[in-house]
Protein backbone atom coordinates (compact mmCIF):
# COMPACT_ATOMS: atom_id res chain seq x y z
CA MET A 1 0.00 0.00 0.00
CA THR A 2 1.42 3.41 -0.93
CA ASN A 3 0.95 6.69 0.88
CA ASN A 4 0.42 8.64 -2.34
CA ILE A 5 -3.08 9.95 -2.82
CA THR A 6 -4.15 10.28 -6.42
CA GLY A 7 -6.45 13.00 -7.57
CA LEU A 8 -9.11 12.88 -10.24
CA SER A 9 -6.55 13.21 -13.02
CA GLY A 10 -4.47 10.30 -11.69
CA THR A 11 -1.63 12.54 -10.52
CA SER A 12 -0.10 11.52 -7.21
CA THR A 13 0.52 13.91 -4.34
CA ALA A 14 4.26 13.57 -4.77
CA GLU A 15 4.00 14.54 -8.44
CA LEU A 16 1.83 17.52 -7.56
CA LEU A 17 4.37 18.65 -4.95
CA LYS A 18 7.16 18.35 -7.53
CA GLN A 19 5.15 20.46 -9.98
CA LYS A 20 4.43 23.02 -7.27
CA SER A 21 8.11 23.30 -6.36
CA LYS A 22 9.01 23.69 -10.05
CA ILE A 23 6.47 26.51 -10.40
CA GLU A 24 7.71 28.21 -7.24
CA GLY A 25 11.30 27.72 -8.36
CA ALA A 26 10.51 29.15 -11.79
CA SER A 27 8.90 32.23 -10.33
CA GLY A 28 11.94 32.68 -8.07
CA GLU A 29 10.37 34.43 -5.13
CA GLY A 30 7.12 34.23 -3.30
CA PHE A 31 4.75 37.11 -2.70
CA ALA A 32 6.29 37.94 0.67
CA GLU A 33 9.75 38.20 -0.86
CA HIS A 34 8.48 40.45 -3.65
CA LEU A 35 6.76 42.66 -1.11
CA LYS A 36 9.85 42.81 1.09
CA SER A 37 12.09 43.76 -1.83
CA ALA A 38 9.62 46.44 -2.97
CA ILE A 39 9.52 47.94 0.52
CA ASN A 40 13.32 47.89 0.69
CA GLU A 41 13.51 49.61 -2.69
CA VAL A 42 11.10 52.34 -1.60
CA ASN A 43 13.12 52.78 1.59
CA THR A 44 16.35 53.14 -0.39
CA LEU A 45 14.74 55.71 -2.68
CA GLN A 46 13.43 57.64 0.33
CA GLU A 47 16.91 57.70 1.87
CA GLY A 48 18.36 58.99 -1.41
CA SER A 49 15.65 61.63 -1.56
CA GLU A 50 16.39 62.76 2.00
CA LYS A 51 20.09 63.03 1.14
CA ALA A 52 19.26 65.07 -1.97
CA VAL A 53 17.07 67.43 0.07
CA ALA A 54 19.82 67.78 2.68
CA ASP A 55 22.35 68.51 -0.07
CA LEU A 56 20.00 71.12 -1.53
CA ALA A 57 19.55 72.76 1.86
CA THR A 58 23.28 72.94 2.55
CA GLY A 59 24.24 74.00 -0.97
CA GLN A 60 26.28 70.85 -1.59
CA VAL A 61 24.19 69.67 -4.52
CA LYS A 62 26.27 68.96 -7.62
CA ASP A 63 23.47 68.44 -10.11
CA LEU A 64 20.09 70.02 -9.43
CA HIS A 65 18.40 67.92 -12.09
CA GLN A 66 19.58 64.64 -10.54
CA ALA A 67 18.44 65.79 -7.09
CA ALA A 68 15.00 66.71 -8.44
CA MET A 69 14.77 63.35 -10.22
CA ALA A 70 15.68 61.45 -7.04
CA ILE A 71 13.05 63.34 -5.04
CA GLY A 72 10.38 62.82 -7.71
CA LYS A 73 11.16 59.12 -8.09
CA ALA A 74 10.97 58.59 -4.33
CA GLU A 75 7.65 60.46 -4.17
CA ILE A 76 6.09 58.44 -6.99
CA ASN A 77 7.26 55.14 -5.51
CA MET A 78 5.91 56.08 -2.07
CA LYS A 79 2.52 56.96 -3.60
CA LEU A 80 2.50 53.63 -5.43
CA MET A 81 3.33 51.73 -2.22
CA LEU A 82 0.54 53.56 -0.37
CA GLU A 83 -1.96 52.73 -3.12
CA ILE A 84 -0.95 49.07 -3.01
CA ARG A 85 -1.38 49.11 0.77
CA ASN A 86 -4.82 50.74 0.44
CA LYS A 87 -5.94 48.18 -2.15
CA ALA A 88 -4.71 45.31 0.04
CA LEU A 89 -6.55 46.72 3.07
CA ASN A 90 -9.74 47.16 1.07
CA ALA A 91 -9.48 43.58 -0.20
CA TYR A 92 -8.92 42.35 3.37
CA LYS A 93 -11.97 44.29 4.60
CA GLU A 94 -14.05 42.94 1.73
CA LEU A 95 -13.03 39.38 2.62
CA GLY A 96 -14.05 40.10 6.23
CA ARG A 97 -17.52 41.08 5.01
CA THR A 98 -17.88 37.93 2.92
CA GLN A 99 -20.32 35.47 4.39
CA LEU A 100 -19.29 31.84 4.40
């Protein structure tokens, strides 16, 4: 007697787990890793923006255009991250309202 459970298509559990690991391996990272890397990227951009603002305030800025671009990029990425957060919270609230 084997411990493999076969589904309707005749695929065993072990084969399904292998396929799942291949899919996860092909995608590289899971959702949590993507989210973590996006948050780290936004944080890095914010730090660069703060440095650019500090350089502007002290007169140490070498290229005004690059400083403005760093500030704008950080602002846009922060807005995007906030919108993603808002959408995720709305989806979570909607799931909470769903009757089972």
